Amino acid sequence: MKSLLRLLVVASLLSLAACSILPQGEPSDVYRLPVHQASHTATPVNWSLRLNKPLASEALSGSRIAVIPAGDVISSYKGARWSDPVPLLVRNRLLDAFQRDGRVQRLSADDSNLQADYELVGELQAFQSEYGSAGVDVVMRYDARLVQGRSQRILASQRFEVRQPLSEKQVPAVVSGFGAAGDTLARQVVDWTVTQASGFQAQAKNQ
């Protein structure tokens, strides 16, 4: 009887220890990046494009929703995260923007080994909300490069920066602001890419 009692006590202690050792995950609301972009029917271009995930710093490589509350301190919103790591989120948003635009129909992503005439690569320098004297803004900064597929030669580069003011500071309003900024950024990147690649195609045809 005493042996059984000792076993029960030991089992209880081990159970309590396990509960205290195992990390308790913080409950998180998972957000998709909102999209408000209509689909279009357009005359397709005669070249293909591959989109790569942008390079990003460690602070922007995960799925946390980044915020700079003051100075150079980068933090994140508690209890909220993106549905995917930020580089994947941005690449998929751009891929969706090209599909909705309709001009570039031969699209692929860096998840596959498909070869394309051109590649869109770059670095994500900012993808956060920032507090300032005038209020809170969502800031997106993307350094894009258009690369020739076979030679990997850089054909063109451009920095895109979008600032979207926020009227509210709650997380749902912040996410909505990210969506609006993403729409603007995606539209600018799509137009620039189509213009640049079509120009290089025309030059190559005339040579």
N, C-alpha and C. Protein backbone atom coordinates (compact mmCIF):
# COMPACT_ATOMS: atom_id res chain seq x y z
N MET A 1 0.84 -1.21 0.00
CA MET A 1 0.00 0.00 0.00
C MET A 1 0.87 1.25 0.00
N LYS A 2 1.91 1.23 0.86
CA LYS A 2 2.80 2.39 0.91
C LYS A 2 3.53 2.57 -0.42
N SER A 3 3.91 1.45 -1.05
CA SER A 3 4.60 1.53 -2.34
C SER A 3 3.70 2.14 -3.40
N LEU A 4 2.42 1.74 -3.39
CA LEU A 4 1.46 2.29 -4.35
C LEU A 4 1.27 3.78 -4.13
N LEU A 5 1.21 4.18 -2.86
CA LEU A 5 1.04 5.59 -2.53
C LEU A 5 2.24 6.40 -3.02
N ARG A 6 3.43 5.85 -2.81
CA ARG A 6 4.64 6.54 -3.27
C ARG A 6 4.63 6.72 -4.79
N LEU A 7 4.20 5.67 -5.50
CA LEU A 7 4.14 5.74 -6.96
C LEU A 7 3.17 6.82 -7.42
N LEU A 8 2.05 6.92 -6.74
CA LEU A 8 1.05 7.93 -7.10
C LEU A 8 1.60 9.33 -6.87
N VAL A 9 2.31 9.51 -5.74
CA VAL A 9 2.89 10.82 -5.44
C VAL A 9 3.94 11.20 -6.48
N VAL A 10 4.81 10.25 -6.82
CA VAL A 10 5.85 10.51 -7.83
C VAL A 10 5.23 10.85 -9.17
N ALA A 11 4.19 10.10 -9.55
CA ALA A 11 3.52 10.35 -10.83
C ALA A 11 2.90 11.74 -10.86
N SER A 12 2.31 12.14 -9.72
CA SER A 12 1.70 13.48 -9.65
C SER A 12 2.76 14.56 -9.79
N LEU A 13 3.90 14.38 -9.10
CA LEU A 13 4.97 15.37 -9.17
C LEU A 13 5.52 15.48 -10.59
N LEU A 14 5.70 14.34 -11.26
CA LEU A 14 6.19 14.36 -12.64
C LEU A 14 5.22 15.06 -13.56
N SER A 15 3.93 14.84 -13.32
CA SER A 15 2.91 15.49 -14.13
C SER A 15 2.95 17.00 -13.97
N LEU A 16 3.10 17.46 -12.73
CA LEU A 16 3.19 18.90 -12.47
C LEU A 16 4.44 19.49 -13.09
N ALA A 17 5.55 18.75 -13.00
CA ALA A 17 6.80 19.23 -13.58
C ALA A 17 6.68 19.37 -15.09
N ALA A 18 6.02 18.40 -15.72
CA ALA A 18 5.85 18.46 -17.17
C ALA A 18 5.03 19.67 -17.56
N CYS A 19 4.00 19.97 -16.78
CA CYS A 19 3.15 21.13 -17.08
C CYS A 19 3.93 22.42 -16.99
N SER A 20 4.88 22.50 -16.07
CA SER A 20 5.62 23.73 -15.89
C SER A 20 6.76 23.86 -16.89
N ILE A 21 7.27 22.70 -17.38
CA ILE A 21 8.39 22.74 -18.31
C ILE A 21 7.92 23.04 -19.72
N LEU A 22 6.83 22.43 -20.17
CA LEU A 22 6.36 22.63 -21.53
C LEU A 22 5.91 24.07 -21.72
N PRO A 23 6.36 24.73 -22.81
CA PRO A 23 5.98 26.13 -23.03
C PRO A 23 4.51 26.26 -23.37
N GLN A 24 3.91 27.27 -22.82
CA GLN A 24 2.51 27.55 -23.12
C GLN A 24 2.47 28.54 -24.27
N GLY A 25 1.99 28.09 -25.44
CA GLY A 25 1.94 28.97 -26.60
C GLY A 25 0.95 30.10 -26.41
N GLU A 26 1.39 31.29 -26.79
CA GLU A 26 0.52 32.46 -26.68
C GLU A 26 -0.55 32.39 -27.76
N PRO A 27 -1.84 32.48 -27.38
CA PRO A 27 -2.90 32.45 -28.39
C PRO A 27 -2.71 33.60 -29.37
N SER A 28 -2.84 33.32 -30.67
CA SER A 28 -2.62 34.34 -31.68
C SER A 28 -3.80 34.38 -32.65
N ASP A 29 -4.16 35.59 -33.03
CA ASP A 29 -5.09 35.78 -34.14
C ASP A 29 -4.25 35.78 -35.41
N VAL A 30 -4.63 34.96 -36.36
CA VAL A 30 -3.88 34.81 -37.60
C VAL A 30 -4.56 35.63 -38.69
N TYR A 31 -3.80 36.53 -39.32
CA TYR A 31 -4.36 37.44 -40.31
C TYR A 31 -3.79 37.16 -41.70
N ARG A 32 -4.67 37.17 -42.69
CA ARG A 32 -4.23 37.21 -44.08
C ARG A 32 -4.00 38.66 -44.48
N LEU A 33 -3.19 38.87 -45.51
CA LEU A 33 -2.99 40.22 -46.04
C LEU A 33 -4.19 40.55 -46.91
N PRO A 34 -4.99 41.56 -46.53
CA PRO A 34 -6.20 41.87 -47.32
C PRO A 34 -5.85 42.31 -48.74
N VAL A 35 -6.73 41.98 -49.66
CA VAL A 35 -6.55 42.34 -51.07
C VAL A 35 -7.82 43.02 -51.57
N HIS A 36 -7.66 44.20 -52.14
CA HIS A 36 -8.78 44.91 -52.76
C HIS A 36 -8.34 45.32 -54.16
N GLN A 37 -8.25 44.36 -55.05
CA GLN A 37 -7.80 44.60 -56.42
C GLN A 37 -8.68 43.81 -57.36
N ALA A 38 -9.27 44.49 -58.31
CA ALA A 38 -10.13 43.83 -59.28
C ALA A 38 -9.31 43.06 -60.30
N SER A 39 -9.91 42.03 -60.88
CA SER A 39 -9.26 41.27 -61.95
C SER A 39 -9.57 41.92 -63.29
N HIS A 40 -8.61 41.84 -64.21
CA HIS A 40 -8.77 42.48 -65.52
C HIS A 40 -8.50 41.46 -66.62
N THR A 41 -9.09 41.74 -67.77
CA THR A 41 -8.78 40.99 -68.98
C THR A 41 -7.92 41.89 -69.86
N ALA A 42 -6.73 41.44 -70.19
CA ALA A 42 -5.80 42.28 -70.94
C ALA A 42 -5.10 41.45 -72.01
N THR A 43 -4.52 42.14 -72.98
CA THR A 43 -3.74 41.46 -74.01
C THR A 43 -2.47 40.90 -73.37
N PRO A 44 -2.25 39.59 -73.45
CA PRO A 44 -1.09 39.01 -72.76
C PRO A 44 0.23 39.34 -73.46
N VAL A 45 1.26 39.50 -72.66
CA VAL A 45 2.61 39.70 -73.20
C VAL A 45 3.16 38.35 -73.66
N ASN A 46 4.24 38.40 -74.44
CA ASN A 46 4.79 37.16 -75.00
C ASN A 46 6.02 36.67 -74.26
N TRP A 47 6.14 37.01 -72.96
CA TRP A 47 7.27 36.55 -72.17
C TRP A 47 6.78 36.01 -70.83
N SER A 48 7.65 35.26 -70.18
CA SER A 48 7.30 34.62 -68.90
C SER A 48 8.07 35.27 -67.76
N LEU A 49 7.52 35.12 -66.57
CA LEU A 49 8.10 35.77 -65.38
C LEU A 49 8.07 34.82 -64.20
N ARG A 50 9.16 34.81 -63.48
CA ARG A 50 9.27 34.02 -62.24
C ARG A 50 9.46 34.98 -61.08
N LEU A 51 8.67 34.80 -60.03
CA LEU A 51 8.75 35.67 -58.85
C LEU A 51 9.45 34.94 -57.72
N ASN A 52 10.44 35.60 -57.14
CA ASN A 52 11.18 35.04 -56.01
C ASN A 52 10.78 35.73 -54.71
N LYS A 53 10.85 34.99 -53.63
CA LYS A 53 10.61 35.60 -52.32
C LYS A 53 11.69 36.64 -52.06
N PRO A 54 11.31 37.82 -51.57
CA PRO A 54 12.32 38.84 -51.29
C PRO A 54 13.18 38.47 -50.09
N LEU A 55 14.42 38.89 -50.13
CA LEU A 55 15.28 38.76 -48.96
C LEU A 55 14.80 39.74 -47.89
N ALA A 56 14.98 39.40 -46.63
CA ALA A 56 14.53 40.26 -45.54
C ALA A 56 15.40 40.05 -44.32
N SER A 57 15.43 41.04 -43.45
CA SER A 57 16.16 40.93 -42.20
C SER A 57 15.48 39.92 -41.28
N GLU A 58 16.16 39.55 -40.23
CA GLU A 58 15.60 38.58 -39.28
C GLU A 58 14.29 39.08 -38.70
N ALA A 59 14.20 40.37 -38.44
CA ALA A 59 12.99 40.94 -37.84
C ALA A 59 11.78 40.85 -38.77
N LEU A 60 12.03 40.78 -40.08
CA LEU A 60 10.94 40.74 -41.05
C LEU A 60 10.82 39.38 -41.72
N SER A 61 11.53 38.39 -41.23
CA SER A 61 11.53 37.08 -41.88
C SER A 61 10.47 36.14 -41.31
N GLY A 62 9.94 36.46 -40.14
CA GLY A 62 8.96 35.59 -39.52
C GLY A 62 7.54 36.00 -39.85
N SER A 63 6.60 35.53 -39.04
CA SER A 63 5.19 35.81 -39.29
C SER A 63 4.60 36.85 -38.34
N ARG A 64 5.43 37.43 -37.48
CA ARG A 64 4.92 38.46 -36.56
C ARG A 64 4.62 39.75 -37.31
N ILE A 65 3.64 40.50 -36.83
CA ILE A 65 3.27 41.78 -37.43
C ILE A 65 4.13 42.85 -36.77
N ALA A 66 5.08 43.37 -37.51
CA ALA A 66 6.10 44.25 -36.95
C ALA A 66 5.57 45.67 -36.74
N VAL A 67 6.10 46.32 -35.69
CA VAL A 67 5.75 47.70 -35.38
C VAL A 67 6.98 48.39 -34.81
N ILE A 68 7.20 49.64 -35.20
CA ILE A 68 8.25 50.47 -34.61
C ILE A 68 7.56 51.54 -33.78
N PRO A 69 7.46 51.34 -32.46
CA PRO A 69 6.72 52.28 -31.61
C PRO A 69 7.46 53.59 -31.39
N ALA A 70 8.79 53.54 -31.41
CA ALA A 70 9.58 54.76 -31.19
C ALA A 70 11.02 54.50 -31.59
N GLY A 71 11.66 55.53 -32.13
CA GLY A 71 13.08 55.43 -32.44
C GLY A 71 13.41 54.27 -33.36
N ASP A 72 14.42 53.50 -32.97
CA ASP A 72 14.87 52.36 -33.77
C ASP A 72 14.46 51.02 -33.17
N VAL A 73 13.53 51.05 -32.23
CA VAL A 73 13.08 49.82 -31.58
C VAL A 73 12.02 49.16 -32.45
N ILE A 74 12.25 47.90 -32.83
CA ILE A 74 11.27 47.16 -33.61
C ILE A 74 10.66 46.08 -32.72
N SER A 75 9.34 46.06 -32.70
CA SER A 75 8.61 45.13 -31.85
C SER A 75 7.53 44.46 -32.70
N SER A 76 6.56 43.83 -32.05
CA SER A 76 5.48 43.20 -32.79
C SER A 76 4.20 43.26 -31.96
N TYR A 77 3.08 43.14 -32.63
CA TYR A 77 1.78 43.19 -31.95
C TYR A 77 1.54 41.88 -31.21
N LYS A 78 1.20 42.00 -29.95
CA LYS A 78 0.98 40.82 -29.11
C LYS A 78 -0.30 40.11 -29.53
N GLY A 79 -0.21 38.79 -29.62
CA GLY A 79 -1.39 37.99 -29.90
C GLY A 79 -1.88 38.07 -31.33
N ALA A 80 -1.00 38.46 -32.26
CA ALA A 80 -1.40 38.55 -33.67
C ALA A 80 -0.21 38.18 -34.55
N ARG A 81 -0.49 37.54 -35.65
CA ARG A 81 0.57 37.20 -36.60
C ARG A 81 -0.03 37.04 -37.99
N TRP A 82 0.87 37.05 -38.98
CA TRP A 82 0.45 36.83 -40.36
C TRP A 82 0.25 35.34 -40.62
N SER A 83 -0.49 35.04 -41.67
CA SER A 83 -0.76 33.64 -42.02
C SER A 83 0.46 32.93 -42.57
N ASP A 84 1.44 33.70 -43.05
CA ASP A 84 2.68 33.13 -43.60
C ASP A 84 3.85 34.01 -43.19
N PRO A 85 5.08 33.50 -43.26
CA PRO A 85 6.24 34.37 -43.07
C PRO A 85 6.18 35.53 -44.06
N VAL A 86 6.63 36.70 -43.63
CA VAL A 86 6.46 37.91 -44.42
C VAL A 86 7.01 37.80 -45.85
N PRO A 87 8.23 37.28 -46.09
CA PRO A 87 8.69 37.18 -47.48
C PRO A 87 7.76 36.37 -48.37
N LEU A 88 7.22 35.27 -47.84
CA LEU A 88 6.27 34.46 -48.61
C LEU A 88 4.97 35.23 -48.81
N LEU A 89 4.54 35.95 -47.79
CA LEU A 89 3.32 36.76 -47.88
C LEU A 89 3.44 37.79 -49.00
N VAL A 90 4.58 38.47 -49.06
CA VAL A 90 4.80 39.50 -50.08
C VAL A 90 4.89 38.89 -51.47
N ARG A 91 5.64 37.80 -51.60
CA ARG A 91 5.74 37.16 -52.92
C ARG A 91 4.39 36.72 -53.43
N ASN A 92 3.59 36.10 -52.56
CA ASN A 92 2.28 35.64 -52.98
C ASN A 92 1.35 36.80 -53.32
N ARG A 93 1.50 37.91 -52.61
CA ARG A 93 0.68 39.10 -52.92
C ARG A 93 1.04 39.63 -54.30
N LEU A 94 2.33 39.68 -54.62
CA LEU A 94 2.75 40.14 -55.94
C LEU A 94 2.31 39.16 -57.03
N LEU A 95 2.42 37.88 -56.75
CA LEU A 95 1.99 36.87 -57.72
C LEU A 95 0.50 37.02 -58.01
N ASP A 96 -0.28 37.22 -56.97
CA ASP A 96 -1.71 37.43 -57.13
C ASP A 96 -2.00 38.70 -57.92
N ALA A 97 -1.20 39.75 -57.69
CA ALA A 97 -1.40 41.01 -58.40
C ALA A 97 -1.15 40.85 -59.89
N PHE A 98 -0.11 40.11 -60.26
CA PHE A 98 0.15 39.85 -61.68
C PHE A 98 -0.99 39.05 -62.30
N GLN A 99 -1.50 38.07 -61.56
CA GLN A 99 -2.60 37.26 -62.08
C GLN A 99 -3.86 38.10 -62.28
N ARG A 100 -4.16 38.97 -61.34
CA ARG A 100 -5.34 39.82 -61.46
C ARG A 100 -5.17 40.85 -62.56
N ASP A 101 -3.94 41.33 -62.76
CA ASP A 101 -3.68 42.32 -63.80
C ASP A 101 -3.92 41.75 -65.20
N GLY A 102 -3.54 40.51 -65.40
CA GLY A 102 -3.87 39.81 -66.64
C GLY A 102 -2.88 39.92 -67.77
N ARG A 103 -1.92 40.82 -67.69
CA ARG A 103 -0.99 40.99 -68.81
C ARG A 103 0.08 39.91 -68.86
N VAL A 104 0.59 39.51 -67.70
CA VAL A 104 1.61 38.45 -67.65
C VAL A 104 0.91 37.16 -67.23
N GLN A 105 0.74 36.26 -68.16
CA GLN A 105 -0.02 35.04 -67.88
C GLN A 105 0.87 33.83 -67.67
N ARG A 106 2.11 33.91 -68.11
CA ARG A 106 3.04 32.79 -67.90
C ARG A 106 3.88 33.11 -66.67
N LEU A 107 3.31 32.76 -65.53
CA LEU A 107 3.90 33.09 -64.23
C LEU A 107 4.35 31.83 -63.51
N SER A 108 5.41 31.96 -62.73
CA SER A 108 5.85 30.89 -61.85
C SER A 108 6.49 31.50 -60.61
N ALA A 109 6.76 30.67 -59.63
CA ALA A 109 7.36 31.14 -58.37
C ALA A 109 8.61 30.32 -58.08
N ASP A 110 9.40 30.80 -57.13
CA ASP A 110 10.67 30.13 -56.83
C ASP A 110 10.51 28.82 -56.08
N ASP A 111 9.28 28.41 -55.80
CA ASP A 111 9.06 27.09 -55.22
C ASP A 111 9.28 25.99 -56.27
N SER A 112 9.19 26.36 -57.55
CA SER A 112 9.36 25.40 -58.63
C SER A 112 10.69 25.63 -59.33
N ASN A 113 11.07 24.69 -60.19
CA ASN A 113 12.31 24.81 -60.96
C ASN A 113 12.04 25.26 -62.39
N LEU A 114 10.89 25.84 -62.63
CA LEU A 114 10.54 26.28 -63.98
C LEU A 114 11.40 27.47 -64.39
N GLN A 115 11.85 27.44 -65.63
CA GLN A 115 12.67 28.54 -66.15
C GLN A 115 11.76 29.58 -66.78
N ALA A 116 12.13 30.84 -66.65
CA ALA A 116 11.34 31.93 -67.21
C ALA A 116 12.25 32.91 -67.93
N ASP A 117 11.66 33.72 -68.81
CA ASP A 117 12.44 34.73 -69.53
C ASP A 117 13.02 35.76 -68.57
N TYR A 118 12.23 36.13 -67.56
CA TYR A 118 12.66 37.14 -66.59
C TYR A 118 12.34 36.67 -65.18
N GLU A 119 13.09 37.23 -64.23
CA GLU A 119 12.84 36.96 -62.82
C GLU A 119 12.73 38.28 -62.07
N LEU A 120 11.80 38.32 -61.13
CA LEU A 120 11.67 39.48 -60.25
C LEU A 120 12.21 39.09 -58.88
N VAL A 121 13.29 39.74 -58.47
CA VAL A 121 13.92 39.47 -57.18
C VAL A 121 14.06 40.78 -56.43
N GLY A 122 14.45 40.72 -55.18
CA GLY A 122 14.65 41.97 -54.45
C GLY A 122 14.81 41.78 -52.96
N GLU A 123 14.85 42.90 -52.27
CA GLU A 123 14.97 42.92 -50.81
C GLU A 123 13.81 43.70 -50.21
N LEU A 124 13.25 43.15 -49.15
CA LEU A 124 12.19 43.83 -48.42
C LEU A 124 12.83 44.60 -47.27
N GLN A 125 12.89 45.91 -47.40
CA GLN A 125 13.56 46.76 -46.41
C GLN A 125 12.63 47.20 -45.29
N ALA A 126 11.34 47.23 -45.54
CA ALA A 126 10.38 47.65 -44.51
C ALA A 126 9.04 46.98 -44.76
N PHE A 127 8.43 46.50 -43.70
CA PHE A 127 7.08 45.92 -43.76
C PHE A 127 6.53 45.99 -42.34
N GLN A 128 6.22 47.21 -41.90
CA GLN A 128 5.83 47.42 -40.51
C GLN A 128 4.97 48.67 -40.38
N SER A 129 4.37 48.82 -39.21
CA SER A 129 3.73 50.10 -38.87
C SER A 129 4.74 50.92 -38.07
N GLU A 130 4.66 52.24 -38.22
CA GLU A 130 5.60 53.13 -37.54
C GLU A 130 4.84 54.27 -36.87
N TYR A 131 5.18 54.52 -35.61
CA TYR A 131 4.60 55.64 -34.87
C TYR A 131 5.48 56.87 -35.08
N GLY A 132 4.84 57.99 -35.40
CA GLY A 132 5.56 59.24 -35.57
C GLY A 132 4.77 60.40 -34.99
N SER A 133 5.30 61.60 -35.14
CA SER A 133 4.64 62.78 -34.57
C SER A 133 3.29 63.04 -35.23
N ALA A 134 3.14 62.61 -36.49
CA ALA A 134 1.89 62.86 -37.20
C ALA A 134 0.88 61.72 -37.05
N GLY A 135 1.27 60.63 -36.40
CA GLY A 135 0.37 59.50 -36.25
C GLY A 135 1.06 58.19 -36.57
N VAL A 136 0.27 57.23 -37.01
CA VAL A 136 0.79 55.89 -37.30
C VAL A 136 0.65 55.61 -38.80
N ASP A 137 1.71 55.11 -39.40
CA ASP A 137 1.71 54.75 -40.82
C ASP A 137 2.13 53.30 -40.98
N VAL A 138 1.56 52.63 -41.97
CA VAL A 138 2.12 51.37 -42.45
C VAL A 138 3.16 51.72 -43.50
N VAL A 139 4.35 51.15 -43.36
CA VAL A 139 5.46 51.45 -44.28
C VAL A 139 5.91 50.16 -44.96
N MET A 140 5.92 50.19 -46.29
CA MET A 140 6.47 49.09 -47.08
C MET A 140 7.55 49.65 -47.99
N ARG A 141 8.70 49.00 -47.99
CA ARG A 141 9.81 49.43 -48.84
C ARG A 141 10.42 48.19 -49.49
N TYR A 142 10.40 48.17 -50.81
CA TYR A 142 10.83 46.98 -51.56
C TYR A 142 11.80 47.41 -52.65
N ASP A 143 13.01 46.88 -52.61
CA ASP A 143 14.02 47.14 -53.64
C ASP A 143 13.94 46.02 -54.67
N ALA A 144 13.37 46.34 -55.83
CA ALA A 144 13.11 45.32 -56.85
C ALA A 144 14.22 45.30 -57.90
N ARG A 145 14.47 44.12 -58.44
CA ARG A 145 15.41 43.95 -59.55
C ARG A 145 14.79 43.02 -60.58
N LEU A 146 14.85 43.44 -61.83
CA LEU A 146 14.41 42.59 -62.93
C LEU A 146 15.65 41.92 -63.52
N VAL A 147 15.63 40.60 -63.55
CA VAL A 147 16.80 39.81 -63.94
C VAL A 147 16.47 38.98 -65.17
N GLN A 148 17.41 38.90 -66.09
CA GLN A 148 17.25 38.02 -67.25
C GLN A 148 17.38 36.58 -66.79
N GLY A 149 16.44 35.74 -67.23
CA GLY A 149 16.37 34.38 -66.71
C GLY A 149 17.61 33.55 -66.94
N ARG A 150 18.08 33.47 -68.17
CA ARG A 150 19.19 32.57 -68.49
C ARG A 150 20.53 33.09 -68.00
N SER A 151 20.80 34.35 -68.25
CA SER A 151 22.11 34.90 -67.90
C SER A 151 22.21 35.39 -66.46
N GLN A 152 21.04 35.58 -65.81
CA GLN A 152 20.98 36.15 -64.46
C GLN A 152 21.57 37.56 -64.41
N ARG A 153 21.53 38.25 -65.54
CA ARG A 153 22.02 39.62 -65.61
C ARG A 153 20.94 40.58 -65.12
N ILE A 154 21.31 41.54 -64.27
CA ILE A 154 20.35 42.53 -63.79
C ILE A 154 20.06 43.51 -64.91
N LEU A 155 18.79 43.63 -65.27
CA LEU A 155 18.38 44.51 -66.36
C LEU A 155 17.88 45.86 -65.85
N ALA A 156 17.24 45.87 -64.70
CA ALA A 156 16.70 47.12 -64.16
C ALA A 156 16.48 46.96 -62.66
N SER A 157 16.50 48.07 -61.96
CA SER A 157 16.24 48.05 -60.51
C SER A 157 15.46 49.29 -60.13
N GLN A 158 14.68 49.16 -59.07
CA GLN A 158 13.83 50.28 -58.64
C GLN A 158 13.44 50.08 -57.18
N ARG A 159 13.47 51.18 -56.42
CA ARG A 159 12.98 51.14 -55.04
C ARG A 159 11.53 51.62 -55.02
N PHE A 160 10.68 50.85 -54.35
CA PHE A 160 9.28 51.21 -54.16
C PHE A 160 9.03 51.42 -52.67
N GLU A 161 8.41 52.53 -52.33
CA GLU A 161 8.09 52.82 -50.94
C GLU A 161 6.66 53.35 -50.85
N VAL A 162 5.90 52.77 -49.96
CA VAL A 162 4.51 53.17 -49.75
C VAL A 162 4.31 53.47 -48.28
N ARG A 163 3.65 54.58 -48.00
CA ARG A 163 3.25 54.94 -46.64
C ARG A 163 1.74 55.09 -46.60
N GLN A 164 1.11 54.31 -45.76
CA GLN A 164 -0.34 54.33 -45.64
C GLN A 164 -0.72 54.80 -44.25
N PRO A 165 -1.27 56.03 -44.11
CA PRO A 165 -1.67 56.52 -42.79
C PRO A 165 -2.81 55.68 -42.20
N LEU A 166 -2.79 55.52 -40.89
CA LEU A 166 -3.84 54.78 -40.19
C LEU A 166 -4.67 55.73 -39.35
N SER A 167 -5.97 55.52 -39.36
CA SER A 167 -6.85 56.35 -38.54
C SER A 167 -7.06 55.75 -37.16
N GLU A 168 -6.80 54.44 -37.01
CA GLU A 168 -6.95 53.75 -35.73
C GLU A 168 -5.71 52.91 -35.47
N LYS A 169 -5.51 52.56 -34.20
CA LYS A 169 -4.31 51.84 -33.80
C LYS A 169 -4.57 50.38 -33.44
N GLN A 170 -5.83 49.95 -33.45
CA GLN A 170 -6.13 48.56 -33.13
C GLN A 170 -5.62 47.65 -34.25
N VAL A 171 -5.32 46.40 -33.90
CA VAL A 171 -4.71 45.47 -34.85
C VAL A 171 -5.55 45.28 -36.11
N PRO A 172 -6.88 45.09 -36.04
CA PRO A 172 -7.64 44.95 -37.29
C PRO A 172 -7.49 46.15 -38.23
N ALA A 173 -7.44 47.36 -37.67
CA ALA A 173 -7.24 48.55 -38.49
C ALA A 173 -5.84 48.58 -39.08
N VAL A 174 -4.86 48.13 -38.30
CA VAL A 174 -3.48 48.06 -38.80
C VAL A 174 -3.40 47.07 -39.96
N VAL A 175 -4.02 45.92 -39.82
CA VAL A 175 -4.01 44.91 -40.88
C VAL A 175 -4.68 45.46 -42.14
N SER A 176 -5.78 46.18 -41.96
CA SER A 176 -6.44 46.81 -43.10
C SER A 176 -5.51 47.80 -43.80
N GLY A 177 -4.73 48.54 -43.01
CA GLY A 177 -3.75 49.46 -43.58
C GLY A 177 -2.67 48.74 -44.36
N PHE A 178 -2.24 47.59 -43.84
CA PHE A 178 -1.27 46.78 -44.58
C PHE A 178 -1.86 46.35 -45.93
N GLY A 179 -3.14 46.01 -45.92
CA GLY A 179 -3.79 45.61 -47.17
C GLY A 179 -3.80 46.73 -48.19
N ALA A 180 -4.15 47.95 -47.75
CA ALA A 180 -4.18 49.10 -48.66
C ALA A 180 -2.79 49.41 -49.19
N ALA A 181 -1.78 49.37 -48.30
CA ALA A 181 -0.41 49.61 -48.74
C ALA A 181 0.06 48.52 -49.71
N GLY A 182 -0.33 47.28 -49.43
CA GLY A 182 0.03 46.18 -50.32
C GLY A 182 -0.57 46.33 -51.70
N ASP A 183 -1.82 46.82 -51.77
CA ASP A 183 -2.46 47.05 -53.06
C ASP A 183 -1.67 48.08 -53.87
N THR A 184 -1.27 49.17 -53.22
CA THR A 184 -0.52 50.23 -53.91
C THR A 184 0.84 49.72 -54.37
N LEU A 185 1.54 49.04 -53.47
CA LEU A 185 2.87 48.52 -53.81
C LEU A 185 2.78 47.53 -54.97
N ALA A 186 1.82 46.63 -54.90
CA ALA A 186 1.69 45.61 -55.94
C ALA A 186 1.39 46.25 -57.29
N ARG A 187 0.52 47.24 -57.32
CA ARG A 187 0.18 47.90 -58.58
C ARG A 187 1.41 48.57 -59.19
N GLN A 188 2.20 49.24 -58.35
CA GLN A 188 3.41 49.91 -58.84
C GLN A 188 4.43 48.90 -59.37
N VAL A 189 4.62 47.81 -58.65
CA VAL A 189 5.60 46.80 -59.06
C VAL A 189 5.16 46.13 -60.36
N VAL A 190 3.89 45.81 -60.49
CA VAL A 190 3.39 45.18 -61.71
C VAL A 190 3.59 46.09 -62.91
N ASP A 191 3.18 47.35 -62.80
CA ASP A 191 3.32 48.29 -63.92
C ASP A 191 4.78 48.47 -64.32
N TRP A 192 5.65 48.61 -63.33
CA TRP A 192 7.08 48.79 -63.61
C TRP A 192 7.66 47.56 -64.29
N THR A 193 7.34 46.39 -63.79
CA THR A 193 7.88 45.15 -64.35
C THR A 193 7.44 44.95 -65.79
N VAL A 194 6.16 45.15 -66.06
CA VAL A 194 5.64 44.98 -67.42
C VAL A 194 6.29 45.97 -68.37
N THR A 195 6.43 47.22 -67.95
CA THR A 195 7.06 48.24 -68.79
C THR A 195 8.51 47.89 -69.10
N GLN A 196 9.26 47.52 -68.06
CA GLN A 196 10.68 47.22 -68.24
C GLN A 196 10.89 45.97 -69.10
N ALA A 197 10.21 44.90 -68.77
CA ALA A 197 10.41 43.64 -69.50
C ALA A 197 9.95 43.76 -70.95
N SER A 198 8.84 44.43 -71.18
CA SER A 198 8.35 44.61 -72.55
C SER A 198 9.33 45.45 -73.36
N GLY A 199 9.93 46.44 -72.72
CA GLY A 199 10.94 47.26 -73.39
C GLY A 199 12.16 46.45 -73.80
N PHE A 200 12.63 45.58 -72.92
CA PHE A 200 13.78 44.74 -73.24
C PHE A 200 13.43 43.72 -74.32
N GLN A 201 12.19 43.23 -74.32
CA GLN A 201 11.76 42.31 -75.37
C GLN A 201 11.78 43.00 -76.73
N ALA A 202 11.31 44.25 -76.77
CA ALA A 202 11.29 45.00 -78.02
C ALA A 202 12.71 45.27 -78.52
N GLN A 203 13.61 45.60 -77.60
CA GLN A 203 15.01 45.84 -77.98
C GLN A 203 15.64 44.57 -78.56
N ALA A 204 15.39 43.45 -77.91
CA ALA A 204 15.97 42.19 -78.38
C ALA A 204 15.44 41.81 -79.76
N LYS A 205 14.18 42.13 -80.02
CA LYS A 205 13.59 41.81 -81.31
C LYS A 205 14.18 42.66 -82.43
N ASN A 206 14.57 43.88 -82.11
CA ASN A 206 15.12 44.80 -83.12
C ASN A 206 16.60 44.59 -83.38
N GLN A 207 17.25 43.78 -82.55
CA GLN A 207 18.69 43.56 -82.73
C GLN A 207 18.97 42.51 -83.81
